[in-house]
Amino acid sequence: MKKLCILLAIVLLLCLAACGPDPTPPVTEIPRTGANLSSDQIARQVFGPANTLYRYFESYALPKGGDMIQQNGQIYWPVTDESPYQTMDELTSALRGHFSEEIVQELLGRELYISHEGHLYAIHAFKGRGHDPAFQGASFAIESESDDKIVYEVTKKMGYENGVLTDEIVYYTRALQNGRWVFTNFDLLW
């Protein structure tokens, strides 16, 4: 019964997170999160904020509006006051609080966001992927842990095949780099 309650809590959390933009305050460092946390705590404290931030590059852009500009052959709009990030420095700092420098450079290299006169702008024609309707929830566990690396095993509950949920197991690694715990591999969970 306890496992069912935990699974239902995780599914509810994931459904709420998938409902749309979830303003995430700028983060400079996410602490190490070890084996003493429950699956629900790992989902909320480790994966939730990182997944929300990653969605701004995969699913939908930060809120935008105002006067457009053209740069590099693309149209960009300034982010609105509702955006949790107003400058490229704030966005970059938040990314570095969750992800390795390689992931940060790959995301920023997409040029979905630019800085113009000190303000953050989002590309007009952002075509991200939407929420996977087959996703039904996930559970999180520590696969392995050392002083400088934690490997998480994430079991995604995906769709129904002949009336049965199928499991997809994915591994995510967080490593201690430059004094911060960051993901060294990442993809959207939900």
Protein backbone atom coordinates (compact mmCIF):
# COMPACT_ATOMS: atom_id res chain seq x y z
CA MET A 1 0.00 0.00 0.00
CA LYS A 2 2.88 2.36 0.87
CA LYS A 3 4.47 1.80 -2.56
CA LEU A 4 1.14 2.51 -4.25
CA CYS A 5 0.78 5.79 -2.31
CA ILE A 6 4.32 6.82 -3.26
CA LEU A 7 3.70 5.94 -6.92
CA LEU A 8 0.44 7.92 -6.93
CA ALA A 9 2.20 10.90 -5.34
CA ILE A 10 4.90 10.78 -8.01
CA VAL A 11 2.34 10.51 -10.83
CA LEU A 12 0.46 13.51 -9.41
CA LEU A 13 3.70 15.50 -9.12
CA LEU A 14 4.69 14.64 -12.68
CA CYS A 15 1.24 15.49 -14.06
CA LEU A 16 1.32 18.88 -12.37
CA ALA A 17 4.83 19.52 -13.70
CA ALA A 18 3.70 18.73 -17.24
CA CYS A 19 0.85 21.25 -17.24
CA GLY A 20 2.91 24.11 -18.61
CA PRO A 21 5.64 26.57 -17.78
CA ASP A 22 6.75 26.24 -14.19
CA PRO A 23 8.81 29.26 -13.23
CA THR A 24 12.02 28.01 -11.72
CA PRO A 25 14.02 30.57 -9.78
CA PRO A 26 17.65 31.00 -10.80
CA VAL A 27 19.77 28.37 -9.09
CA THR A 28 23.47 28.52 -8.54
CA GLU A 29 24.00 25.11 -6.96
CA ILE A 30 21.99 21.97 -6.31
CA PRO A 31 23.50 19.99 -3.44
CA ARG A 32 24.51 16.37 -3.54
CA THR A 33 21.46 14.18 -3.07
CA GLY A 34 22.29 10.74 -1.81
CA ALA A 35 20.69 7.44 -0.98
CA ASN A 36 18.89 8.65 2.14
CA LEU A 37 16.13 10.25 0.02
CA SER A 38 12.92 8.59 -1.09
CA SER A 39 11.92 8.26 -4.74
CA ASP A 40 9.51 11.18 -4.32
CA GLN A 41 12.22 13.39 -2.78
CA ILE A 42 14.64 12.56 -5.60
CA ALA A 43 11.92 13.47 -8.13
CA ARG A 44 11.20 16.82 -6.46
CA GLN A 45 14.67 17.90 -5.37
CA VAL A 46 16.89 16.60 -8.15
CA PHE A 47 14.93 15.92 -11.32
CA GLY A 48 12.02 18.39 -11.07
CA PRO A 49 14.02 21.64 -11.26
CA ALA A 50 16.46 20.26 -13.87
CA ASN A 51 13.61 18.92 -16.02
CA THR A 52 11.74 22.24 -15.86
CA LEU A 53 14.83 24.15 -16.98
CA TYR A 54 15.63 21.62 -19.73
CA ARG A 55 12.05 21.96 -21.08
CA TYR A 56 12.80 25.59 -21.99
CA PHE A 57 15.12 24.13 -24.64
CA GLU A 58 13.11 21.05 -25.63
CA SER A 59 9.37 21.64 -25.19
CA TYR A 60 8.55 25.34 -25.07
CA ALA A 61 10.28 28.68 -24.83
CA LEU A 62 10.23 31.05 -21.90
CA PRO A 63 7.24 33.45 -21.93
CA LYS A 64 7.85 36.15 -24.55
CA GLY A 65 6.22 39.24 -26.01
CA GLY A 66 6.92 42.88 -26.82
CA ASP A 67 8.89 44.27 -29.76
CA MET A 68 10.68 41.71 -31.89
CA ILE A 69 14.19 41.97 -33.25
CA GLN A 70 15.92 40.14 -36.06
CA GLN A 71 19.35 38.58 -35.56
CA ASN A 72 21.22 35.82 -37.37
CA GLY A 73 18.32 35.54 -39.82
CA GLN A 74 15.89 34.70 -36.99
CA ILE A 75 13.15 36.64 -35.23
CA TYR A 76 13.43 36.95 -31.44
CA TRP A 77 11.02 38.35 -28.85
CA PRO A 78 11.98 39.69 -25.42
CA VAL A 79 11.03 37.43 -22.54
CA THR A 80 8.24 38.82 -20.40
CA ASP A 81 8.33 39.77 -16.73
CA GLU A 82 6.73 36.38 -15.99
CA SER A 83 9.92 34.65 -17.13
CA PRO A 84 12.10 33.39 -14.27
CA TYR A 85 15.15 34.62 -16.23
CA GLN A 86 15.53 38.15 -17.57
CA THR A 87 19.14 38.05 -18.78
CA MET A 88 21.39 35.56 -20.52
CA ASP A 89 23.60 35.57 -17.41
CA GLU A 90 20.67 34.45 -15.23
CA LEU A 91 19.73 31.69 -17.66
CA THR A 92 23.33 30.52 -18.02
CA SER A 93 23.84 30.54 -14.25
CA ALA A 94 20.72 28.42 -13.75
CA LEU A 95 21.88 25.94 -16.40
CA ARG A 96 25.30 25.67 -14.76
CA GLY A 97 23.60 24.95 -11.44
CA HIS A 98 22.08 21.77 -12.90
CA PHE A 99 24.13 20.62 -15.88
CA SER A 100 27.73 19.99 -16.92
CA GLU A 101 29.47 22.61 -19.03
CA GLU A 102 29.15 20.33 -22.09
CA ILE A 103 25.36 20.21 -21.74
CA VAL A 104 25.19 23.96 -21.06
CA GLN A 105 27.19 24.75 -24.21
CA GLU A 106 25.09 22.35 -26.31
CA LEU A 107 21.82 23.95 -25.12
CA LEU A 108 23.05 27.53 -25.54
CA GLY A 109 24.55 26.63 -28.93
CA ARG A 110 21.06 26.05 -30.26
CA GLU A 111 20.60 29.85 -30.20
CA LEU A 112 17.03 29.60 -28.93
CA TYR A 113 17.88 32.51 -26.62
CA ILE A 114 20.07 35.54 -27.23
CA SER A 115 21.08 38.64 -25.32
CA HIS A 116 20.17 42.01 -26.79
CA GLU A 117 20.97 45.23 -24.96
CA GLY A 118 21.27 43.27 -21.70
CA HIS A 119 17.86 41.61 -22.01
CA LEU A 120 17.04 37.98 -22.76
CA TYR A 121 15.23 37.24 -26.04
CA ALA A 122 13.60 33.96 -27.14
CA ILE A 123 13.41 32.75 -30.72
CA HIS A 124 10.05 33.22 -32.44
CA ALA A 125 9.78 29.93 -34.33
CA PHE A 126 10.47 27.50 -31.46
CA LYS A 127 9.20 24.05 -32.36
CA GLY A 128 9.82 21.89 -29.32
CA ARG A 129 8.53 18.46 -28.60
CA GLY A 130 5.43 18.18 -26.50
CA HIS A 131 4.62 16.02 -23.52
CA ASP A 132 4.78 12.29 -24.27
CA PRO A 133 1.17 11.08 -23.84
CA ALA A 134 2.46 7.55 -23.17
CA PHE A 135 4.27 8.73 -20.02
CA GLN A 136 2.39 7.53 -16.94
CA GLY A 137 4.88 8.25 -14.15
CA ALA A 138 8.31 7.29 -12.92
CA SER A 139 10.18 5.94 -9.95
CA PHE A 140 13.68 6.97 -8.94
CA ALA A 141 16.46 5.07 -7.20
CA ILE A 142 20.18 5.38 -6.61
CA GLU A 143 21.97 2.83 -8.80
CA SER A 144 25.45 3.65 -7.48
CA GLU A 145 27.12 6.37 -5.47
CA SER A 146 30.66 7.53 -4.78
CA ASP A 147 32.28 10.67 -3.43
CA ASP A 148 32.12 12.36 -6.84
CA LYS A 149 29.37 10.58 -8.79
CA ILE A 150 25.78 9.43 -8.33
CA VAL A 151 24.01 7.28 -10.92
CA TYR A 152 20.22 7.38 -10.76
CA GLU A 153 18.04 4.64 -12.18
CA VAL A 154 14.76 6.06 -13.45
CA THR A 155 12.01 3.64 -14.31
CA LYS A 156 9.51 5.35 -16.59
CA LYS A 157 6.03 3.88 -16.79
CA MET A 158 5.14 4.17 -20.45
CA GLY A 159 1.74 3.63 -22.07
CA TYR A 160 -0.30 0.53 -21.97
CA GLU A 161 0.56 -2.48 -24.03
CA ASN A 162 -2.17 -5.13 -23.85
CA GLY A 163 -3.50 -3.50 -20.68
CA VAL A 164 -0.11 -3.50 -18.92
CA LEU A 165 2.20 -0.56 -18.22
CA THR A 166 5.59 -1.02 -19.82
CA ASP A 167 8.79 0.05 -18.08
CA GLU A 168 11.58 2.00 -19.70
CA ILE A 169 14.73 2.21 -17.57
CA VAL A 170 17.02 5.20 -18.08
CA TYR A 171 20.21 6.08 -16.19
CA TYR A 172 21.20 9.64 -15.31
CA THR A 173 24.54 10.62 -13.84
CA ARG A 174 25.34 13.56 -11.58
CA ALA A 175 28.98 14.30 -10.92
CA LEU A 176 30.88 16.70 -8.75
CA GLN A 177 32.46 19.21 -11.18
CA ASN A 178 34.03 22.51 -10.15
CA GLY A 179 32.49 22.19 -6.68
CA ARG A 180 28.94 21.60 -7.99
CA TRP A 181 26.77 18.51 -8.42
CA VAL A 182 25.59 18.56 -12.05
CA PHE A 183 24.02 16.18 -14.52
CA THR A 184 26.52 14.90 -17.08
CA ASN A 185 23.75 13.37 -19.20
CA PHE A 186 20.13 14.43 -19.39
CA ASP A 187 16.98 14.12 -21.44
CA LEU A 188 13.42 15.14 -20.65
CA LEU A 189 11.67 12.83 -18.25
CA TRP A 190 8.10 14.00 -18.85
